[in-house]
Amino acid sequence: AGTEGMVLLKNDSSALPVAEGKSVASFGVNQVNTYKGGSGSGDVYAAYTVNIAKGLSNRFTTNTELQD
């Protein structure tokens, strides 16, 4: 199942890693309401968590009006 679910990304024109200070877009409510850990025996209690929107804003320029 693991190998069938893998995706290989091709880094054309050196697009990755994204340069610091660039604008990026991320969409959907899960950028703020990020699900962490798992359920049942896979449940994890982290000392702290950072949602996707906050993590991106730590490194990239973000539009907080759109985030709200």
C-alpha atoms as a PDB file:
ATOM      1  CA  ALA A   1       0.000   0.000   0.000  1.00  0.00           C
ATOM      2  CA  GLY A   2       2.870   2.370   0.802  1.00  0.00           C
ATOM      3  CA  THR A   3       4.524   2.123  -2.600  1.00  0.00           C
ATOM      4  CA  GLU A   4       1.198   2.397  -4.417  1.00  0.00           C
ATOM      5  CA  GLY A   5       0.422   5.618  -2.546  1.00  0.00           C
ATOM      6  CA  MET A   6       3.732   7.347  -3.291  1.00  0.00           C
ATOM      7  CA  VAL A   7       4.032  10.345  -5.603  1.00  0.00           C
ATOM      8  CA  LEU A   8       7.314  11.442  -7.159  1.00  0.00           C
ATOM      9  CA  LEU A   9       7.668  15.184  -7.675  1.00  0.00           C
ATOM     10  CA  LYS A  10       9.866  16.554 -10.427  1.00  0.00           C
ATOM     11  CA  ASN A  11      11.667  19.771  -9.487  1.00  0.00           C
ATOM     12  CA  ASP A  12      11.492  21.543 -12.856  1.00  0.00           C
ATOM     13  CA  SER A  13      13.197  24.940 -12.974  1.00  0.00           C
ATOM     14  CA  SER A  14      14.367  24.559  -9.357  1.00  0.00           C
ATOM     15  CA  ALA A  15      10.920  25.454  -7.985  1.00  0.00           C
ATOM     16  CA  LEU A  16      11.711  23.758  -4.676  1.00  0.00           C
ATOM     17  CA  PRO A  17      12.527  24.758  -2.032  1.00  0.00           C
ATOM     18  CA  VAL A  18      10.365  27.881  -2.176  1.00  0.00           C
ATOM     19  CA  ALA A  19      12.513  30.922  -1.414  1.00  0.00           C
ATOM     20  CA  GLU A  20      11.891  32.600   1.932  1.00  0.00           C
ATOM     21  CA  GLY A  21       9.790  35.768   1.645  1.00  0.00           C
ATOM     22  CA  LYS A  22       7.785  34.517  -1.351  1.00  0.00           C
ATOM     23  CA  SER A  23       3.985  34.529  -1.332  1.00  0.00           C
ATOM     24  CA  VAL A  24       2.282  31.146  -1.147  1.00  0.00           C
ATOM     25  CA  ALA A  25      -1.364  30.066  -1.182  1.00  0.00           C
ATOM     26  CA  SER A  26      -3.093  27.421   0.869  1.00  0.00           C
ATOM     27  CA  PHE A  27      -6.807  26.814   0.798  1.00  0.00           C
ATOM     28  CA  GLY A  28      -9.452  25.261   2.982  1.00  0.00           C
ATOM     29  CA  VAL A  29     -10.619  25.331   6.564  1.00  0.00           C
ATOM     30  CA  ASN A  30      -8.076  22.651   7.502  1.00  0.00           C
ATOM     31  CA  GLN A  31      -5.279  25.216   7.160  1.00  0.00           C
ATOM     32  CA  VAL A  32      -6.508  26.709  10.451  1.00  0.00           C
ATOM     33  CA  ASN A  33      -8.340  23.725  11.954  1.00  0.00           C
ATOM     34  CA  THR A  34      -5.402  21.406  11.410  1.00  0.00           C
ATOM     35  CA  TYR A  35      -5.960  17.837  12.572  1.00  0.00           C
ATOM     36  CA  LYS A  36      -3.112  16.440  14.635  1.00  0.00           C
ATOM     37  CA  GLY A  37      -2.179  12.993  15.843  1.00  0.00           C
ATOM     38  CA  GLY A  38      -4.473  10.120  15.088  1.00  0.00           C
ATOM     39  CA  SER A  39      -7.245   8.177  16.687  1.00  0.00           C
ATOM     40  CA  GLY A  40      -7.436   5.063  18.790  1.00  0.00           C
ATOM     41  CA  SER A  41      -4.000   3.541  19.384  1.00  0.00           C
ATOM     42  CA  GLY A  42      -2.483   6.123  16.993  1.00  0.00           C
ATOM     43  CA  ASP A  43      -3.568   9.070  19.152  1.00  0.00           C
ATOM     44  CA  VAL A  44      -0.669  11.441  19.894  1.00  0.00           C
ATOM     45  CA  TYR A  45      -0.532  14.217  22.486  1.00  0.00           C
ATOM     46  CA  ALA A  46       2.118  16.715  21.415  1.00  0.00           C
ATOM     47  CA  ALA A  47       3.619  19.281  23.783  1.00  0.00           C
ATOM     48  CA  TYR A  48       2.467  21.982  21.342  1.00  0.00           C
ATOM     49  CA  THR A  49       1.140  22.222  17.793  1.00  0.00           C
ATOM     50  CA  VAL A  50       1.242  24.803  15.012  1.00  0.00           C
ATOM     51  CA  ASN A  51      -1.540  24.890  12.415  1.00  0.00           C
ATOM     52  CA  ILE A  52      -0.642  25.000   8.728  1.00  0.00           C
ATOM     53  CA  ALA A  53      -1.575  28.689   8.285  1.00  0.00           C
ATOM     54  CA  LYS A  54       0.636  29.770  11.213  1.00  0.00           C
ATOM     55  CA  GLY A  55       3.486  27.546  10.055  1.00  0.00           C
ATOM     56  CA  LEU A  56       3.399  29.087   6.587  1.00  0.00           C
ATOM     57  CA  SER A  57       3.249  32.626   8.006  1.00  0.00           C
ATOM     58  CA  ASN A  58       6.409  31.909  10.021  1.00  0.00           C
ATOM     59  CA  ARG A  59       8.362  31.519   6.771  1.00  0.00           C
ATOM     60  CA  PHE A  60       6.367  33.165   3.972  1.00  0.00           C
ATOM     61  CA  THR A  61       4.379  36.330   3.325  1.00  0.00           C
ATOM     62  CA  THR A  62       0.695  35.653   4.035  1.00  0.00           C
ATOM     63  CA  ASN A  63      -2.487  37.670   3.612  1.00  0.00           C
ATOM     64  CA  THR A  64      -4.103  37.744   7.047  1.00  0.00           C
ATOM     65  CA  GLU A  65      -7.339  39.259   5.666  1.00  0.00           C
ATOM     66  CA  LEU A  66      -7.872  36.175   3.536  1.00  0.00           C
ATOM     67  CA  GLN A  67      -6.945  33.938   6.454  1.00  0.00           C
ATOM     68  CA  ASP A  68      -9.611  35.531   8.642  1.00  0.00           C
END
